[in-house]
C-alpha atoms as a PDB file:
ATOM      1  CA  MET A   1     -49.721 -63.495 -12.628  1.00  0.00           C
ATOM      2  CA  VAL A   2     -47.052 -62.301 -14.900  1.00  0.00           C
ATOM      3  CA  SER A   3     -45.747 -65.203 -16.859  1.00  0.00           C
ATOM      4  CA  ARG A   4     -42.433 -66.654 -16.854  1.00  0.00           C
ATOM      5  CA  GLY A   5     -41.086 -65.403 -20.354  1.00  0.00           C
ATOM      6  CA  ALA A   6     -42.020 -61.593 -19.206  1.00  0.00           C
ATOM      7  CA  LYS A   7     -39.890 -61.989 -16.222  1.00  0.00           C
ATOM      8  CA  VAL A   8     -37.198 -62.900 -18.375  1.00  0.00           C
ATOM      9  CA  VAL A   9     -37.355 -60.526 -20.986  1.00  0.00           C
ATOM     10  CA  LEU A  10     -38.026 -57.912 -17.728  1.00  0.00           C
ATOM     11  CA  GLY A  11     -34.826 -59.460 -16.063  1.00  0.00           C
ATOM     12  CA  GLY A  12     -32.907 -59.423 -19.172  1.00  0.00           C
ATOM     13  CA  ALA A  13     -33.663 -56.039 -20.333  1.00  0.00           C
ATOM     14  CA  LEU A  14     -32.721 -54.288 -16.536  1.00  0.00           C
ATOM     15  CA  CYS A  15     -29.195 -56.252 -16.853  1.00  0.00           C
ATOM     16  CA  PHE A  16     -28.957 -54.486 -20.234  1.00  0.00           C
ATOM     17  CA  ALA A  17     -29.738 -51.446 -19.235  1.00  0.00           C
ATOM     18  CA  SER A  18     -27.631 -51.457 -15.922  1.00  0.00           C
ATOM     19  CA  ALA A  19     -24.814 -52.826 -18.433  1.00  0.00           C
ATOM     20  CA  ILE A  20     -25.018 -49.903 -20.655  1.00  0.00           C
ATOM     21  CA  ILE A  21     -25.264 -47.144 -17.786  1.00  0.00           C
ATOM     22  CA  ILE A  22     -21.754 -48.452 -16.054  1.00  0.00           C
ATOM     23  CA  LEU A  23     -20.536 -48.923 -19.094  1.00  0.00           C
ATOM     24  CA  VAL A  24     -21.317 -44.970 -20.318  1.00  0.00           C
ATOM     25  CA  HIS A  25     -19.954 -43.834 -16.844  1.00  0.00           C
ATOM     26  CA  LYS A  26     -16.699 -46.034 -17.308  1.00  0.00           C
ATOM     27  CA  MET A  27     -15.934 -44.129 -20.302  1.00  0.00           C
ATOM     28  CA  GLN A  28     -16.951 -40.911 -19.076  1.00  0.00           C
ATOM     29  CA  GLN A  29     -14.293 -41.399 -16.246  1.00  0.00           C
ATOM     30  CA  ALA A  30     -11.775 -42.488 -18.842  1.00  0.00           C
ATOM     31  CA  ASP A  31     -12.674 -39.170 -20.691  1.00  0.00           C
ATOM     32  CA  ARG A  32     -11.900 -37.278 -17.753  1.00  0.00           C
ATOM     33  CA  LEU A  33      -9.032 -38.675 -17.075  1.00  0.00           C
ATOM     34  CA  ARG A  34      -7.558 -38.651 -20.439  1.00  0.00           C
ATOM     35  CA  LEU A  35      -8.562 -34.936 -20.481  1.00  0.00           C
ATOM     36  CA  ARG A  36      -6.551 -34.595 -16.942  1.00  0.00           C
ATOM     37  CA  GLU A  37      -3.363 -36.003 -18.527  1.00  0.00           C
ATOM     38  CA  GLY A  38      -3.679 -33.587 -21.192  1.00  0.00           C
ATOM     39  CA  VAL A  39      -3.472 -30.659 -19.217  1.00  0.00           C
ATOM     40  CA  LEU A  40      -0.459 -32.128 -17.419  1.00  0.00           C
ATOM     41  CA  ARG A  41       1.327 -32.526 -21.071  1.00  0.00           C
ATOM     42  CA  ASP A  42       0.614 -29.473 -21.922  1.00  0.00           C
ATOM     43  CA  MET A  43       1.846 -27.369 -18.651  1.00  0.00           C
ATOM     44  CA  GLU A  44       4.933 -29.716 -18.761  1.00  0.00           C
ATOM     45  CA  ARG A  45       5.242 -28.981 -22.345  1.00  0.00           C
ATOM     46  CA  GLN A  46       5.174 -25.104 -21.296  1.00  0.00           C
ATOM     47  CA  GLU A  47       7.857 -25.334 -18.902  1.00  0.00           C
ATOM     48  CA  ARG A  48       9.857 -27.339 -21.014  1.00  0.00           C
ATOM     49  CA  LYS A  49       9.337 -24.054 -23.984  1.00  0.00           C
ATOM     50  CA  ARG A  50      10.132 -21.718 -20.889  1.00  0.00           C
ATOM     51  CA  LYS A  51      13.737 -23.289 -19.932  1.00  0.00           C
ATOM     52  CA  ASN A  52      14.586 -23.789 -23.696  1.00  0.00           C
ATOM     53  CA  MET A  53      14.199 -20.205 -23.986  1.00  0.00           C
ATOM     54  CA  GLU A  54      16.716 -19.284 -21.078  1.00  0.00           C
ATOM     55  CA  GLU A  55      18.993 -21.688 -22.164  1.00  0.00           C
ATOM     56  CA  LEU A  56      18.689 -19.926 -25.790  1.00  0.00           C
ATOM     57  CA  LYS A  57      19.159 -16.675 -24.182  1.00  0.00           C
ATOM     58  CA  GLN A  58      22.442 -17.708 -22.049  1.00  0.00           C
ATOM     59  CA  GLN A  59      23.812 -19.569 -25.509  1.00  0.00           C
ATOM     60  CA  ILE A  60      22.909 -16.096 -26.964  1.00  0.00           C
ATOM     61  CA  GLU A  61      24.546 -13.835 -24.529  1.00  0.00           C
ATOM     62  CA  LEU A  62      27.664 -16.325 -24.444  1.00  0.00           C
ATOM     63  CA  THR A  63      27.894 -16.640 -27.984  1.00  0.00           C
ATOM     64  CA  ARG A  64      28.057 -12.224 -27.732  1.00  0.00           C
ATOM     65  CA  LYS A  65      30.535 -12.635 -25.257  1.00  0.00           C
ATOM     66  CA  LEU A  66      32.710 -15.171 -26.933  1.00  0.00           C
ATOM     67  CA  GLN A  67      32.562 -12.858 -30.232  1.00  0.00           C
ATOM     68  CA  GLU A  68      33.320  -9.928 -28.422  1.00  0.00           C
ATOM     69  CA  GLN A  69      36.680 -11.718 -26.750  1.00  0.00           C
ATOM     70  CA  ARG A  70      37.533 -12.948 -30.306  1.00  0.00           C
ATOM     71  CA  GLU A  71      37.442  -9.302 -31.245  1.00  0.00           C
ATOM     72  CA  ASN A  72      39.361  -7.756 -28.337  1.00  0.00           C
ATOM     73  CA  ASP A  73      42.595 -10.634 -29.029  1.00  0.00           C
ATOM     74  CA  VAL A  74      42.567 -10.020 -32.654  1.00  0.00           C
ATOM     75  CA  ALA A  75      42.522  -6.390 -31.584  1.00  0.00           C
ATOM     76  CA  SER A  76      45.264  -6.396 -29.427  1.00  0.00           C
ATOM     77  CA  ASN A  77      47.596  -8.878 -31.708  1.00  0.00           C
END
């Protein structure tokens, strides 16, 4: 027969090991989620950058047209 103390120690060790396994599993899930969110943020950042570049090109074109119009107005006066 196994003594009561040995059973308690074995039970405690099993509980401790189970708790560590569960904790590591939860931490891995959190890490995976954080990595996934990082990828999504990067994709959003790239999309914003693309839109900003399009707006910049449009503004450059509008500025060029405005300058041409002003030059034409000055030349015609």
